[in-house]
Protein backbone atom coordinates (compact mmCIF):
# COMPACT_ATOMS: atom_id res chain seq x y z
CA MET A 1 37.66 13.24 193.40
CA SER A 2 35.14 13.83 190.88
CA GLU A 3 33.66 16.41 188.40
CA ARG A 4 30.04 16.14 189.18
CA ALA A 5 28.36 17.76 192.00
CA TYR A 6 26.68 15.59 194.74
CA ASP A 7 24.20 16.34 197.17
CA ALA A 8 25.53 13.54 199.60
CA PRO A 9 26.41 14.21 203.18
CA VAL A 10 30.01 13.09 202.44
CA ASP A 11 33.20 14.97 201.63
CA TRP A 12 34.41 14.92 198.26
CA VAL A 13 36.50 16.87 196.08
CA ALA A 14 35.59 18.28 192.70
CA MET A 15 36.87 20.59 189.79
CA ALA A 16 35.33 23.76 189.28
CA SER A 17 34.01 22.98 186.01
CA ARG A 18 31.20 25.67 186.07
CA GLU A 19 33.38 28.39 187.80
CA GLY A 20 36.31 27.71 185.62
CA VAL A 21 34.48 27.99 182.32
CA ARG A 22 32.93 31.15 183.62
CA ALA A 23 36.29 32.76 184.59
CA LEU A 24 37.60 31.86 181.26
CA VAL A 25 34.63 33.17 179.33
CA GLY A 26 35.08 36.60 181.30
CA HIS A 27 38.77 36.72 180.73
CA MET A 28 38.07 36.22 176.92
CA ALA A 29 35.53 38.91 177.05
CA SER A 30 37.77 41.34 178.81
CA LEU A 31 40.19 41.13 175.71
CA GLY A 32 37.32 42.08 173.73
CA TYR A 33 35.97 38.91 172.22
CA THR A 34 32.35 38.93 171.44
CA ARG A 35 31.64 35.75 169.71
CA ILE A 36 33.01 33.07 171.72
CA SER A 37 31.96 29.52 170.90
CA ALA A 38 31.56 26.53 173.20
CA LEU A 39 33.04 23.59 172.05
CA GLY A 40 31.79 20.19 173.94
CA ALA A 41 28.20 20.85 174.96
CA ASP A 42 26.20 17.67 175.11
CA HIS A 43 22.33 18.11 175.21
CA SER A 44 21.75 14.39 175.44
CA ASP A 45 20.31 12.39 178.46
CA LEU A 46 23.40 13.65 180.63
CA PRO A 47 22.68 14.07 184.20
CA GLU A 48 22.49 18.02 184.96
CA ARG A 49 25.49 17.50 187.42
CA SER A 50 27.64 16.09 184.74
CA ALA A 51 30.97 17.93 183.81
CA ALA A 52 29.58 18.83 180.34
CA HIS A 53 26.42 20.21 182.03
CA LEU A 54 28.29 22.14 184.60
CA ARG A 55 30.84 23.73 182.04
CA LEU A 56 28.00 24.78 179.59
CA VAL A 57 26.21 26.40 182.51
CA GLY A 58 29.65 28.33 183.38
CA TYR A 59 29.79 29.52 179.77
CA ARG A 60 26.13 30.95 180.18
CA ASP A 61 27.22 32.64 183.17
CA GLY A 62 30.27 33.84 181.79
CA MET A 63 28.38 35.18 178.78
CA ARG A 64 25.70 36.73 180.93
CA ASP A 65 28.30 38.16 183.33
CA ALA A 66 30.12 39.91 180.35
CA GLY A 67 26.72 41.39 178.97
CA LEU A 68 27.10 39.10 175.91
CA PRO A 69 24.19 37.18 174.13
CA TYR A 70 23.95 33.52 174.50
CA LEU A 71 23.70 32.46 170.81
CA PRO A 72 22.71 28.72 170.34
CA GLU A 73 24.68 28.68 166.95
CA LEU A 74 28.02 29.21 168.62
CA VAL A 75 27.50 26.32 171.22
CA VAL A 76 28.67 23.04 169.38
CA ASP A 77 27.43 19.81 170.78
CA VAL A 78 29.83 17.18 171.16
CA HIS A 79 28.51 13.62 171.65
CA PRO A 80 29.05 10.94 172.83
CA GLN A 81 32.32 11.67 174.27
CA TRP A 82 35.05 14.32 174.39
CA SER A 83 37.68 13.30 171.92
CA ARG A 84 40.10 14.94 169.35
CA GLN A 85 38.31 13.69 166.48
CA LEU A 86 34.98 15.25 167.76
CA GLY A 87 36.61 18.52 168.61
CA ALA A 88 37.93 18.66 165.15
CA ALA A 89 34.41 17.70 163.71
CA GLY A 90 32.94 20.43 165.90
CA ILE A 91 35.03 23.37 164.55
CA ARG A 92 34.95 22.10 161.00
CA ARG A 93 30.84 22.40 161.50
CA LEU A 94 31.34 26.07 162.33
CA ILE A 95 33.97 26.85 159.92
CA GLU A 96 31.88 25.18 157.01
CA ALA A 97 28.60 26.73 158.23
CA ARG A 98 30.43 30.07 157.82
CA THR A 99 29.25 30.94 161.67
CA PRO A 100 31.61 33.89 162.75
CA PHE A 101 33.13 33.42 165.84
CA ASP A 102 36.33 35.17 167.47
CA ALA A 103 37.16 32.78 170.17
CA VAL A 104 36.47 29.05 171.42
CA VAL A 105 36.04 27.71 174.83
CA ALA A 106 36.77 23.98 174.38
CA LEU A 107 35.30 22.25 177.71
CA ALA A 108 38.10 19.77 177.39
CA ASP A 109 41.70 19.39 176.52
CA ALA A 110 40.94 16.81 173.76
CA LEU A 111 38.47 18.88 172.15
CA ALA A 112 40.97 21.81 172.17
CA LEU A 113 43.53 19.89 170.41
CA GLY A 114 41.08 18.51 167.58
CA ALA A 115 39.94 22.33 167.26
CA LEU A 116 43.78 23.18 166.54
CA HIS A 117 43.89 20.51 163.81
CA ALA A 118 40.86 21.37 162.31
CA VAL A 119 41.84 24.92 162.23
CA ARG A 120 45.19 24.01 160.85
CA GLU A 121 43.38 22.07 158.29
CA ALA A 122 41.25 25.06 157.19
CA GLY A 123 44.24 26.98 156.27
CA LEU A 124 43.62 29.48 159.23
CA ARG A 125 45.96 30.54 161.94
CA ILE A 126 45.62 31.25 165.59
CA PRO A 127 48.20 33.70 167.33
CA LEU A 128 49.74 32.88 170.76
CA ARG A 129 48.60 34.45 174.06
CA SER A 130 50.26 33.60 177.32
CA PRO A 131 47.48 31.91 179.43
CA SER A 132 47.49 34.68 182.19
CA PRO A 133 48.47 38.04 182.32
CA ASP A 134 51.24 37.30 185.02
CA SER A 135 52.80 34.54 182.79
CA THR A 136 55.98 35.31 181.16
CA THR A 137 56.41 31.95 179.16
CA PRO A 138 53.75 31.48 176.31
CA THR A 139 52.65 27.87 176.02
CA LYS A 140 51.81 26.08 172.94
CA PRO A 141 51.29 22.28 172.17
CA ALA A 142 53.94 20.54 169.89
CA ASN A 143 53.06 20.85 166.37
CA SER A 144 50.31 23.37 166.98
CA PRO A 145 49.19 25.89 164.56
CA ILE A 146 49.50 28.56 167.20
CA ARG A 147 51.45 31.49 165.96
CA ARG A 148 52.06 35.00 166.92
CA SER A 149 49.66 37.54 165.12
CA PRO A 150 51.56 39.37 162.55
CA THR A 151 52.42 42.83 163.79
CA SER A 152 55.55 43.44 161.94
CA PRO A 153 56.04 43.72 158.27
CA ARG A 154 58.38 40.73 158.59
CA ALA A 155 55.67 38.80 160.35
CA ARG A 156 53.30 39.83 158.06
CA ARG A 157 55.21 38.70 155.01
CA ARG A 158 55.77 35.29 156.82
CA SER A 159 51.97 34.47 157.22
CA ARG A 160 51.76 34.15 153.30
CA GLY A 161 48.44 35.82 153.10
CA ARG A 162 46.79 33.00 155.12
CA PRO A 163 43.99 34.41 157.12
CA TRP A 164 43.71 34.67 160.86
CA LEU A 165 41.14 32.97 162.83
CA CYS A 166 41.15 35.27 165.77
CA SER A 167 43.57 37.64 167.08
CA THR A 168 44.50 35.90 170.35
CA THR A 169 44.41 32.63 171.82
CA VAL A 170 44.14 31.86 175.57
């Protein structure tokens, strides 16, 4: 089992890194997001068949398929590994640079958790959306800053004027 692509005459099982990210970007674009950030790129000397490379190619494919431009300022390099700390640092760089983005595709779970921490730290909020249209139970990590977007007057009052980073999270 692997996350790398091999050209070998043997059987192997691999994660659909490229196709999975491509589908995720397409889904986010179908919800109306146009400035989707990719968190976890690595432009170092990693082989072209590494998970980081394959997922970044999937991001580019998804953006192209959705008719959205590939904007290098939305691609956040994280090197040398995927960790919560580096995910938080990557999102902090986007926020501090005031780079406008309305969605984030984290290329690994640890990066996503770090990004959520950085968003909380910045005083921004992320609303909750179920991971798929047929899912009836929304999911969120424990102690996350994910909240439903304030649609009712009561919910808007509870948000205490804190800005929302985006209108949906997947």
